[in-house]
Amino acid sequence: MGLKHRHDYERLSRELLASEQSYLQPQFAGKINLAVVYPNLYSLGMSNLGFLTVHRIACSVPGYGVERFFPALEAERPLRPPFYSFETHRPLADFDLLLFSFSYEGDFDKIPGLFSALGLPIKSEKRNRHHPLLIAGGAAVAANQLALSKIFDVLVPGEAETTLQPILEKFRDEGISLDNVKEMAGVWVPALRDMPKPIEEKCNIDLSPAWSHIVSSRNAFGGAHIVEIMRGCPRNCAFCLARVIYQPVRRLSFANFCSWLDSFPKCRDLGLVAPSLFDHPEIDQIFAELARRQVHIRNSSVKWEKLDANILEVLRNSNIRSLTLAPETGSERLRAAMKKPLNEDRFFSCLESINQAGFEHVKLYFIAGLPDENQQDIDATIDFLGRAQRYSGKTTLSAAFSIFVPKKGTAWESQKFLSQAEIKHKIRYIKELLQKLPEPVKVNFESPQEATRQMFLSQAGPELADEYTREAEKCSENRLFARNQFSALEF
């Protein structure tokens, strides 16, 4: 990195640091130095409670110097190598440990460019004691740990709260050796064990919820504090990973939520995190308490069944003008198959209430390419969207169509994934039907290429290391990591 590029990086990182309110003071140097890596945008990382929890736990272990790294501090502007830590601008390759937090499988594709820029061989067997030891965890690792099994030295497919501190204490007290952690429950050292030893202990989020110990004004919640009020989902949707990964369902009780809130008297905006927020059994009390304290809520994705007059009023008083609802499909047959029933009369009545409450916009999420989906099912979805227009009044509607991708461990993991040609055919047909609606509606579609790549990554195994090795060589040869999203992958 030239002097100008380094100057620009230091200037922007200092600007972002100045935008943060921190409730912990980490040490930036220690007996062992580690960097916590979020392989995507700064704004996303500082909104991600998995990443923040890893950082908070690491900062709590004496003897460690802890910093952060994001490969892009601003949207559409990935950093150019060499890479430096966020806080002190130390060369990233100088750290003893690099802890990667993967929330989305798509972020796996950042590995070739990042590793290439750092001079790290993709395969763990090619690295030596002069390289940092690499640890990976997060929801994407829990969903498909095999994909990274030849890339990372240590995988944490479970919850960081029950495993990370013991790992770091072992390394500090007994040395950075894989032998020291290979038998630990909830930890997988692929080079030394066939599979991880299961862990029985689960984090009690009622006593220790995940929360944003660093609040950035540039986070995706508009600078709000963030707290997790439920982990896991009580629903049984056939396509969803949340129930599979986060079992059993655990909740932050209303009483302990109030105690947590008491600890942050300056909190005026709060993002509430849960896979299915409105299924929390005490959500009404939580919303009422936030209204009483005049704390604004920073959430827009809601369960329509829970939207009574009181909750709508609280949301509007929090200056929320747009809501997101997920009917998934207009086909009653497919809703029954995915175990997500919907009473259409009540749904459209809810849209009327949203309009009467003064909300300006509603986005509806649908899934295309569901198992056994036929032309009549698509017709039903467009008809559903047309009826929604009639009930929404002055509230504008938009729609987003994702593509069904079968995920490991879900009830639909063995269902067919469409070819790109089939996906494109469905999208064309949907667009034709949309033109027949009485009023135009703004619609976004997930790209067939992105869906296909997501499918590949969700099913990939150890062979992913071979593909990434080839891609890292392309990155190194062509310096592609300097001008794109850290990968030469084409799919």
Protein backbone atom coordinates (compact mmCIF):
# COMPACT_ATOMS: atom_id res chain seq x y z
CA MET A 1 0.00 0.00 0.00
CA GLY A 2 1.43 3.38 -1.01
CA LEU A 3 1.64 6.27 1.41
CA LYS A 4 -1.49 7.90 0.00
CA HIS A 5 -3.54 4.70 0.31
CA ARG A 6 -2.32 4.14 3.85
CA HIS A 7 -3.08 7.74 4.72
CA ASP A 8 -6.61 7.39 3.32
CA TYR A 9 -7.16 4.17 5.27
CA GLU A 10 -5.93 5.69 8.52
CA ARG A 11 -8.04 8.79 8.01
CA LEU A 12 -11.23 6.79 7.38
CA SER A 13 -10.62 4.32 10.21
CA ARG A 14 -10.01 7.21 12.65
CA GLU A 15 -13.23 8.82 11.45
CA LEU A 16 -15.15 5.62 12.06
CA LEU A 17 -13.53 5.09 15.46
CA ALA A 18 -14.61 8.60 16.44
CA SER A 19 -18.19 7.65 15.54
CA GLU A 20 -18.20 4.80 18.07
CA GLN A 21 -19.37 4.64 21.67
CA SER A 22 -17.56 1.81 23.45
CA TYR A 23 -18.51 0.21 26.75
CA LEU A 24 -15.25 -1.74 26.97
CA GLN A 25 -11.66 -0.63 26.67
CA PRO A 26 -9.71 -3.33 24.84
CA GLN A 27 -5.97 -3.76 25.11
CA PHE A 28 -4.30 -3.49 21.74
CA ALA A 29 -1.13 -5.35 22.74
CA GLY A 30 -0.63 -8.46 24.83
CA LYS A 31 1.22 -11.71 25.29
CA ILE A 32 -0.84 -12.95 22.34
CA ASN A 33 -2.26 -10.63 19.71
CA LEU A 34 -5.40 -11.47 17.77
CA ALA A 35 -7.54 -9.78 15.17
CA VAL A 36 -11.27 -10.43 14.87
CA VAL A 37 -12.14 -10.40 11.16
CA TYR A 38 -15.57 -9.67 9.73
CA PRO A 39 -15.17 -10.46 6.00
CA ASN A 40 -17.53 -7.78 4.75
CA LEU A 41 -18.49 -4.15 5.24
CA TYR A 42 -17.76 -2.27 8.47
CA SER A 43 -21.42 -1.22 8.77
CA LEU A 44 -22.56 -4.84 8.58
CA GLY A 45 -19.94 -6.09 11.01
CA MET A 46 -20.84 -3.43 13.56
CA SER A 47 -24.48 -4.55 13.30
CA ASN A 48 -23.68 -8.24 13.70
CA LEU A 49 -24.02 -9.55 17.23
CA GLY A 50 -22.05 -12.71 16.41
CA PHE A 51 -19.01 -10.67 15.42
CA LEU A 52 -19.45 -8.26 18.33
CA THR A 53 -19.80 -11.12 20.81
CA VAL A 54 -16.56 -12.71 19.59
CA HIS A 55 -14.79 -9.36 19.96
CA ARG A 56 -16.26 -8.75 23.43
CA ILE A 57 -15.28 -12.21 24.71
CA ALA A 58 -11.78 -11.89 23.30
CA CYS A 59 -11.36 -8.51 24.99
CA SER A 60 -12.36 -10.06 28.33
CA VAL A 61 -9.50 -12.60 28.37
CA PRO A 62 -6.40 -11.19 30.13
CA GLY A 63 -3.14 -11.40 28.26
CA TYR A 64 -4.57 -10.70 24.81
CA GLY A 65 -4.22 -7.72 22.55
CA VAL A 66 -7.38 -7.50 20.46
CA GLU A 67 -8.16 -5.53 17.30
CA ARG A 68 -10.68 -5.65 14.48
CA PHE A 69 -10.44 -5.90 10.70
CA PHE A 70 -12.94 -5.22 7.93
CA PRO A 71 -11.91 -5.64 4.27
CA ALA A 72 -14.20 -2.75 3.28
CA LEU A 73 -14.89 0.31 5.40
CA GLU A 74 -17.26 1.87 2.87
CA ALA A 75 -19.72 0.33 0.42
CA GLU A 76 -18.32 -0.37 -3.05
CA ARG A 77 -14.79 0.51 -1.88
CA PRO A 78 -12.90 -2.64 -0.87
CA LEU A 79 -9.51 -2.02 0.67
CA ARG A 80 -6.34 -2.48 -1.31
CA PRO A 81 -3.65 -4.67 0.21
CA PRO A 82 -1.53 -4.89 2.24
CA PHE A 83 -4.11 -4.98 5.01
CA TYR A 84 -3.83 -3.25 8.38
CA SER A 85 -5.79 -3.60 11.61
CA PHE A 86 -8.65 -1.19 12.22
CA GLU A 87 -7.48 0.29 15.52
CA THR A 88 -3.68 0.67 15.35
CA HIS A 89 -3.07 0.01 11.63
CA ARG A 90 -0.77 -2.90 12.36
CA PRO A 91 -0.03 -5.31 9.48
CA LEU A 92 -2.68 -8.00 9.71
CA ALA A 93 -0.26 -10.82 8.97
CA ASP A 94 1.69 -9.95 12.15
CA PHE A 95 -1.06 -11.19 14.47
CA ASP A 96 -0.77 -14.53 16.27
CA LEU A 97 -4.43 -15.44 15.80
CA LEU A 98 -7.02 -14.42 13.22
CA LEU A 99 -10.63 -15.07 14.26
CA PHE A 100 -13.07 -15.00 11.34
CA SER A 101 -16.79 -14.51 11.95
CA PHE A 102 -18.90 -15.87 9.06
CA SER A 103 -22.60 -15.08 9.28
CA TYR A 104 -23.37 -15.76 5.61
CA GLU A 105 -22.04 -18.52 3.39
CA GLY A 106 -21.53 -15.97 0.63
CA ASP A 107 -18.75 -14.42 2.72
CA PHE A 108 -16.75 -17.63 2.25
CA ASP A 109 -15.99 -16.25 -1.20
CA LYS A 110 -13.94 -13.44 0.39
CA ILE A 111 -11.35 -16.03 1.48
CA PRO A 112 -9.30 -16.31 -1.76
CA GLY A 113 -8.68 -12.59 -2.09
CA LEU A 114 -8.04 -12.00 1.62
CA PHE A 115 -5.69 -14.93 2.02
CA SER A 116 -3.84 -14.10 -1.18
CA ALA A 117 -3.29 -10.50 -0.08
CA LEU A 118 -2.00 -11.70 3.30
CA GLY A 119 0.31 -14.30 1.80
CA LEU A 120 -1.59 -17.12 3.51
CA PRO A 121 -1.89 -20.50 1.78
CA ILE A 122 -5.53 -21.50 1.47
CA LYS A 123 -5.01 -25.02 2.79
CA SER A 124 -4.15 -25.30 6.47
CA GLU A 125 -1.67 -28.10 5.74
CA LYS A 126 0.43 -25.67 3.67
CA ARG A 127 0.84 -23.17 6.48
CA ASN A 128 3.52 -23.26 9.18
CA ARG A 129 4.36 -21.75 12.55
CA HIS A 130 5.28 -18.45 10.92
CA HIS A 131 1.67 -17.94 9.82
CA PRO A 132 -1.16 -16.83 12.13
CA LEU A 133 -3.38 -19.60 13.45
CA LEU A 134 -6.82 -19.28 11.85
CA ILE A 135 -10.13 -19.82 13.66
CA ALA A 136 -13.60 -19.57 12.08
CA GLY A 137 -17.03 -19.50 13.64
CA GLY A 138 -20.48 -18.04 13.10
CA ALA A 139 -23.85 -19.10 11.74
CA ALA A 140 -22.45 -20.02 8.32
CA VAL A 141 -19.89 -22.34 9.93
CA ALA A 142 -22.66 -23.95 11.97
CA ALA A 143 -24.61 -24.46 8.74
CA ASN A 144 -21.74 -26.04 6.80
CA GLN A 145 -18.52 -26.63 8.72
CA LEU A 146 -17.22 -29.20 6.23
CA ALA A 147 -16.73 -26.52 3.59
CA LEU A 148 -14.00 -24.85 5.66
CA SER A 149 -12.48 -28.00 7.15
CA LYS A 150 -9.31 -27.90 5.03
CA ILE A 151 -8.94 -24.12 5.23
CA PHE A 152 -9.10 -23.16 8.90
CA ASP A 153 -7.05 -24.63 11.74
CA VAL A 154 -9.90 -24.46 14.26
CA LEU A 155 -13.65 -24.36 13.63
CA VAL A 156 -16.26 -23.37 16.21
CA PRO A 157 -19.58 -24.63 14.80
CA GLY A 158 -21.43 -23.83 18.03
CA GLU A 159 -21.93 -20.75 20.15
CA ALA A 160 -18.94 -18.53 20.91
CA GLU A 161 -20.17 -17.83 24.44
CA THR A 162 -19.52 -21.42 25.55
CA THR A 163 -16.31 -22.13 23.65
CA LEU A 164 -14.20 -19.08 22.80
CA GLN A 165 -12.95 -18.10 26.24
CA PRO A 166 -11.69 -21.64 27.06
CA ILE A 167 -9.90 -21.77 23.70
CA LEU A 168 -8.12 -18.47 24.29
CA GLU A 169 -7.21 -19.37 27.86
CA LYS A 170 -5.72 -22.67 26.67
CA PHE A 171 -3.58 -20.91 24.08
CA ARG A 172 -2.45 -18.30 26.60
CA ASP A 173 -1.61 -20.74 29.38
CA GLU A 174 -0.30 -23.74 27.41
CA GLY A 175 0.81 -22.27 24.09
CA ILE A 176 -0.72 -21.89 20.64
CA SER A 177 -0.91 -25.54 19.70
CA LEU A 178 -3.78 -27.42 18.09
CA ASP A 179 -3.13 -30.33 20.45
CA ASN A 180 -4.18 -28.10 23.35
CA VAL A 181 -7.73 -27.60 22.05
CA LYS A 182 -8.45 -30.71 19.96
CA GLU A 183 -10.42 -32.47 22.72
CA MET A 184 -12.48 -29.47 23.77
CA ALA A 185 -16.25 -29.82 23.37
CA GLY A 186 -17.73 -27.54 20.73
CA VAL A 187 -14.35 -27.14 19.02
CA TRP A 188 -13.23 -28.88 15.85
CA VAL A 189 -9.60 -29.26 14.80
CA PRO A 190 -10.10 -30.97 11.42
CA ALA A 191 -6.43 -31.97 11.08
CA LEU A 192 -6.61 -33.93 14.35
CA ARG A 193 -10.22 -35.12 14.66
CA ASP A 194 -12.77 -36.53 12.22
CA MET A 195 -15.63 -34.55 13.74
CA PRO A 196 -16.07 -32.11 16.62
CA LYS A 197 -16.97 -33.33 20.07
CA PRO A 198 -20.55 -32.15 20.75
CA ILE A 199 -21.19 -29.60 23.46
CA GLU A 200 -24.15 -29.93 25.75
CA GLU A 201 -23.97 -26.51 27.36
CA LYS A 202 -25.92 -23.73 25.66
CA CYS A 203 -25.63 -20.04 26.31
CA ASN A 204 -28.28 -18.77 28.71
CA ILE A 205 -29.21 -15.55 26.96
CA ASP A 206 -31.62 -14.64 29.75
CA LEU A 207 -28.60 -14.12 31.98
CA SER A 208 -26.08 -13.14 29.31
CA PRO A 209 -27.68 -11.72 26.16
CA ALA A 210 -25.64 -10.72 23.14
CA TRP A 211 -25.42 -6.95 22.86
CA SER A 212 -23.48 -4.20 21.11
CA HIS A 213 -20.65 -3.23 23.45
CA ILE A 214 -19.52 -0.89 20.68
CA VAL A 215 -22.25 1.30 19.20
CA SER A 216 -21.34 2.82 15.86
CA SER A 217 -23.35 5.62 14.30
CA ARG A 218 -22.55 3.91 10.98
CA ASN A 219 -24.12 0.55 11.85
CA ALA A 220 -27.07 -0.80 9.88
CA PHE A 221 -29.46 0.14 12.70
CA GLY A 222 -28.79 3.85 12.25
CA GLY A 223 -26.52 4.12 15.27
CA ALA A 224 -28.84 2.27 17.65
CA HIS A 225 -27.79 0.01 20.50
CA ILE A 226 -28.51 -3.65 19.70
CA VAL A 227 -29.58 -6.53 21.95
CA GLU A 228 -30.64 -10.12 21.26
CA ILE A 229 -33.97 -10.93 22.87
CA MET A 230 -34.49 -14.43 21.44
CA ARG A 231 -32.17 -17.07 20.01
CA GLY A 232 -33.78 -19.75 17.87
CA CYS A 233 -37.21 -19.84 16.31
CA PRO A 234 -40.32 -21.65 17.59
CA ARG A 235 -41.70 -22.04 14.06
CA ASN A 236 -41.22 -25.05 11.79
CA CYS A 237 -40.70 -23.54 8.35
CA ALA A 238 -39.35 -26.29 6.11
CA PHE A 239 -36.78 -24.08 4.38
CA CYS A 240 -35.31 -22.17 7.35
CA LEU A 241 -31.99 -22.78 9.11
CA ALA A 242 -32.69 -20.77 12.26
CA ARG A 243 -34.53 -23.56 14.05
CA VAL A 244 -31.85 -26.07 13.06
CA ILE A 245 -28.83 -24.06 14.20
CA TYR A 246 -30.15 -22.40 17.35
CA GLN A 247 -31.79 -25.12 19.39
CA PRO A 248 -33.37 -24.94 21.88
CA VAL A 249 -35.23 -21.65 21.64
CA ARG A 250 -34.05 -19.28 24.38
CA ARG A 251 -35.42 -15.89 25.34
CA LEU A 252 -34.41 -12.81 27.27
CA SER A 253 -37.17 -12.38 29.81
CA PHE A 254 -38.98 -9.10 30.17
CA ALA A 255 -37.62 -8.61 33.71
CA ASN A 256 -34.02 -9.15 32.64
CA PHE A 257 -34.55 -7.05 29.53
CA CYS A 258 -35.54 -4.18 31.80
CA SER A 259 -32.46 -4.80 33.95
CA TRP A 260 -30.25 -4.76 30.85
CA LEU A 261 -31.86 -1.53 29.70
CA ASP A 262 -31.26 0.04 33.12
CA SER A 263 -27.53 -0.40 32.49
CA PHE A 264 -27.69 1.88 29.44
CA PRO A 265 -29.48 5.06 30.48
CA LYS A 266 -28.21 6.90 27.38
CA CYS A 267 -29.82 4.40 25.02
CA ARG A 268 -32.43 6.29 23.00
CA ASP A 269 -32.59 3.93 19.99
CA LEU A 270 -32.61 0.15 20.21
CA GLY A 271 -32.46 -2.64 17.65
CA LEU A 272 -34.09 -5.86 18.86
CA VAL A 273 -32.58 -9.01 17.37
CA ALA A 274 -34.30 -12.40 17.02
CA PRO A 275 -34.98 -14.79 14.13
CA SER A 276 -38.68 -14.33 14.82
CA LEU A 277 -38.92 -11.21 16.97
CA PHE A 278 -42.67 -11.09 17.30
CA ASP A 279 -42.85 -14.67 18.54
CA HIS A 280 -41.26 -13.58 21.81
CA PRO A 281 -43.99 -14.29 24.39
CA GLU A 282 -43.46 -10.94 26.14
CA ILE A 283 -43.01 -8.74 23.09
CA ASP A 284 -46.04 -6.62 24.01
CA GLN A 285 -44.54 -5.81 27.42
CA ILE A 286 -41.14 -5.11 25.87
CA PHE A 287 -42.63 -2.69 23.35
CA ALA A 288 -44.72 -1.00 26.03
CA GLU A 289 -41.66 -0.55 28.24
CA LEU A 290 -39.64 0.95 25.41
CA ALA A 291 -42.51 3.34 24.70
CA ARG A 292 -42.66 4.30 28.38
CA ARG A 293 -38.93 5.04 28.39
CA GLN A 294 -39.19 6.86 25.07
CA VAL A 295 -36.68 4.53 23.46
CA HIS A 296 -37.12 4.32 19.71
CA ILE A 297 -37.24 0.84 18.12
CA ARG A 298 -35.13 0.14 15.08
CA ASN A 299 -36.86 -2.82 13.46
CA SER A 300 -38.91 -3.08 10.30
CA SER A 301 -39.26 -6.84 9.60
CA VAL A 302 -42.35 -7.95 11.49
CA LYS A 303 -44.74 -10.87 11.89
CA TRP A 304 -48.00 -9.56 10.52
CA GLU A 305 -50.06 -11.71 12.91
CA LYS A 306 -48.71 -9.72 15.87
CA LEU A 307 -49.45 -6.26 14.50
CA ASP A 308 -52.26 -5.02 16.71
CA ALA A 309 -53.11 -1.34 17.19
CA ASN A 310 -50.79 -0.92 20.19
CA ILE A 311 -47.71 -2.31 18.45
CA LEU A 312 -48.41 -0.31 15.31
CA GLU A 313 -48.61 2.83 17.42
CA VAL A 314 -45.29 2.07 19.13
CA LEU A 315 -43.61 1.46 15.78
CA ARG A 316 -44.97 4.70 14.30
CA ASN A 317 -43.89 6.63 17.39
CA SER A 318 -40.39 5.24 16.77
CA ASN A 319 -40.47 7.02 13.40
CA ILE A 320 -40.66 3.71 11.53
CA ARG A 321 -42.37 4.43 8.23
CA SER A 322 -41.76 1.16 6.38
CA LEU A 323 -42.54 -2.43 7.30
CA THR A 324 -41.44 -5.73 5.80
CA LEU A 325 -43.77 -8.74 5.74
CA ALA A 326 -42.99 -12.23 4.44
CA PRO A 327 -45.97 -14.16 3.05
CA GLU A 328 -43.40 -16.25 1.02
CA THR A 329 -45.98 -17.36 -1.56
CA GLY A 330 -49.59 -16.74 -2.57
CA SER A 331 -50.18 -20.47 -2.94
CA GLU A 332 -52.10 -21.96 -0.05
CA ARG A 333 -50.88 -25.41 -1.10
CA LEU A 334 -47.22 -24.42 -0.88
CA ARG A 335 -47.71 -22.55 2.40
CA ALA A 336 -49.10 -25.74 3.91
CA ALA A 337 -46.16 -27.74 2.56
CA MET A 338 -43.61 -25.33 4.06
CA LYS A 339 -45.54 -25.30 7.37
CA LYS A 340 -46.19 -21.58 7.24
CA PRO A 341 -49.97 -21.15 7.17
CA LEU A 342 -51.47 -17.74 6.43
CA ASN A 343 -55.06 -16.59 6.83
CA GLU A 344 -55.43 -14.33 3.80
CA ASP A 345 -58.46 -12.43 5.09
CA ARG A 346 -56.59 -11.54 8.27
CA PHE A 347 -53.46 -10.66 6.30
CA PHE A 348 -55.30 -8.17 4.09
CA SER A 349 -57.09 -6.76 7.13
CA CYS A 350 -53.65 -6.23 8.65
CA LEU A 351 -52.61 -4.28 5.53
CA GLU A 352 -55.64 -2.05 6.03
CA SER A 353 -54.60 -1.40 9.63
CA ILE A 354 -51.04 -0.58 8.52
CA ASN A 355 -52.44 1.95 6.04
CA GLN A 356 -54.75 3.48 8.65
CA ALA A 357 -51.82 3.78 11.07
CA GLY A 358 -50.01 5.98 8.56
CA PHE A 359 -47.15 3.77 7.39
CA GLU A 360 -45.77 4.91 4.06
CA HIS A 361 -44.43 1.67 2.63
CA VAL A 362 -44.67 -2.11 2.94
CA LYS A 363 -42.28 -4.58 1.31
CA LEU A 364 -43.50 -8.13 0.73
CA TYR A 365 -41.02 -11.00 0.55
CA PHE A 366 -41.70 -14.02 -1.66
CA ILE A 367 -39.72 -17.12 -2.62
CA ALA A 368 -39.63 -18.38 -6.19
CA GLY A 369 -38.70 -21.91 -7.18
CA LEU A 370 -40.20 -23.62 -4.14
CA PRO A 371 -40.38 -27.43 -4.24
CA ASP A 372 -43.10 -28.66 -6.58
CA GLU A 373 -44.03 -25.09 -7.55
CA ASN A 374 -46.13 -24.95 -10.72
CA GLN A 375 -47.58 -22.23 -12.91
CA GLN A 376 -50.78 -22.09 -10.86
CA ASP A 377 -48.76 -21.40 -7.69
CA ILE A 378 -47.00 -18.46 -9.37
CA ASP A 379 -50.37 -17.19 -10.63
CA ALA A 380 -51.62 -17.33 -7.04
CA THR A 381 -48.65 -15.29 -5.82
CA ILE A 382 -49.22 -12.52 -8.35
CA ASP A 383 -52.95 -12.57 -7.57
CA PHE A 384 -52.03 -12.25 -3.88
CA LEU A 385 -49.86 -9.25 -4.68
CA GLY A 386 -52.68 -7.65 -6.67
CA ARG A 387 -55.11 -8.09 -3.79
CA ALA A 388 -52.53 -6.62 -1.42
CA GLN A 389 -52.45 -3.49 -3.60
CA ARG A 390 -56.20 -3.07 -3.20
CA TYR A 391 -56.03 -3.30 0.60
CA SER A 392 -52.94 -1.16 1.16
CA GLY A 393 -54.62 2.17 0.40
CA LYS A 394 -52.12 5.05 0.37
CA THR A 395 -49.34 2.78 1.68
CA THR A 396 -47.08 1.96 -1.26
CA LEU A 397 -46.15 -1.67 -1.89
CA SER A 398 -43.01 -3.26 -3.25
CA ALA A 399 -41.99 -6.90 -3.51
CA ALA A 400 -38.78 -8.91 -3.42
CA PHE A 401 -38.37 -12.43 -4.80
CA SER A 402 -35.58 -14.63 -3.52
CA ILE A 403 -34.80 -18.05 -4.98
CA PHE A 404 -35.35 -21.21 -2.95
CA VAL A 405 -32.07 -22.81 -1.90
CA PRO A 406 -32.21 -26.11 0.04
CA LYS A 407 -30.11 -25.89 3.20
CA LYS A 408 -28.45 -28.72 5.09
CA GLY A 409 -30.37 -29.89 8.14
CA THR A 410 -33.70 -28.40 7.11
CA ALA A 411 -36.78 -30.42 6.20
CA TRP A 412 -36.27 -29.43 2.57
CA GLU A 413 -32.53 -30.12 2.34
CA SER A 414 -33.05 -32.83 -0.31
CA GLN A 415 -35.44 -30.84 -2.48
CA LYS A 416 -34.52 -29.91 -6.04
CA PHE A 417 -32.72 -26.68 -6.81
CA LEU A 418 -33.58 -25.18 -10.17
CA SER A 419 -31.07 -24.66 -12.95
CA GLN A 420 -30.24 -21.11 -13.94
CA ALA A 421 -32.31 -21.55 -17.10
CA GLU A 422 -35.32 -22.66 -15.03
CA ILE A 423 -34.88 -19.75 -12.63
CA LYS A 424 -34.71 -17.26 -15.50
CA HIS A 425 -37.83 -18.78 -17.03
CA LYS A 426 -39.74 -18.34 -13.75
CA ILE A 427 -38.56 -14.75 -13.38
CA ARG A 428 -39.66 -13.93 -16.93
CA TYR A 429 -43.08 -15.43 -16.27
CA ILE A 430 -43.47 -13.47 -13.03
CA LYS A 431 -42.51 -10.24 -14.80
CA GLU A 432 -45.12 -10.92 -17.50
CA LEU A 433 -47.83 -11.38 -14.86
CA LEU A 434 -46.73 -8.27 -12.97
CA GLN A 435 -47.43 -6.16 -16.04
CA LYS A 436 -51.08 -7.21 -15.85
CA LEU A 437 -51.59 -5.79 -12.35
CA PRO A 438 -53.91 -2.74 -12.16
CA GLU A 439 -51.05 -0.63 -10.76
CA PRO A 440 -47.30 -0.93 -11.30
CA VAL A 441 -45.31 -2.34 -8.39
CA LYS A 442 -41.57 -2.15 -7.78
CA VAL A 443 -40.10 -5.66 -7.65
CA ASN A 444 -36.55 -6.89 -7.01
CA PHE A 445 -35.33 -10.37 -7.94
CA GLU A 446 -32.37 -12.28 -6.55
CA SER A 447 -30.01 -12.98 -9.43
CA PRO A 448 -29.89 -16.58 -10.71
CA GLN A 449 -26.09 -16.46 -10.46
CA GLU A 450 -26.16 -15.47 -6.79
CA ALA A 451 -28.72 -18.14 -5.97
CA THR A 452 -26.68 -20.78 -7.78
CA ARG A 453 -23.54 -19.77 -5.95
CA GLN A 454 -25.42 -19.84 -2.64
CA MET A 455 -26.60 -23.35 -3.46
CA PHE A 456 -23.05 -24.46 -4.20
CA LEU A 457 -21.66 -23.00 -0.97
CA SER A 458 -24.47 -24.45 1.14
CA GLN A 459 -23.62 -27.95 -0.11
CA ALA A 460 -19.84 -27.64 -0.58
CA GLY A 461 -17.48 -29.94 1.28
CA PRO A 462 -13.71 -30.01 1.88
CA GLU A 463 -13.11 -29.72 -1.87
CA LEU A 464 -13.86 -26.00 -1.52
CA ALA A 465 -10.22 -25.58 -0.46
CA ASP A 466 -9.09 -26.77 -3.90
CA GLU A 467 -11.32 -24.29 -5.69
CA TYR A 468 -10.24 -21.44 -3.45
CA THR A 469 -6.58 -22.34 -3.99
CA ARG A 470 -7.06 -21.88 -7.72
CA GLU A 471 -8.93 -18.64 -7.20
CA ALA A 472 -6.27 -17.30 -4.81
CA GLU A 473 -3.68 -17.85 -7.51
CA LYS A 474 -5.83 -15.82 -9.93
CA CYS A 475 -6.17 -13.06 -7.35
CA SER A 476 -2.42 -12.98 -6.82
CA GLU A 477 -1.58 -13.04 -10.51
CA ASN A 478 -4.13 -10.42 -11.55
CA ARG A 479 -4.36 -8.40 -8.30
CA LEU A 480 -8.13 -8.78 -8.49
CA PHE A 481 -8.45 -8.32 -4.74
CA ALA A 482 -7.55 -4.66 -5.27
CA ARG A 483 -10.63 -3.86 -7.35
CA ASN A 484 -13.43 -6.29 -6.63
CA GLN A 485 -15.06 -8.11 -3.75
CA PHE A 486 -11.93 -10.09 -2.89
CA SER A 487 -12.47 -13.03 -5.22
CA ALA A 488 -12.02 -14.00 -8.85
CA LEU A 489 -14.90 -16.46 -8.66
CA GLU A 490 -17.23 -16.74 -11.61
CA PHE A 491 -20.24 -18.98 -11.45
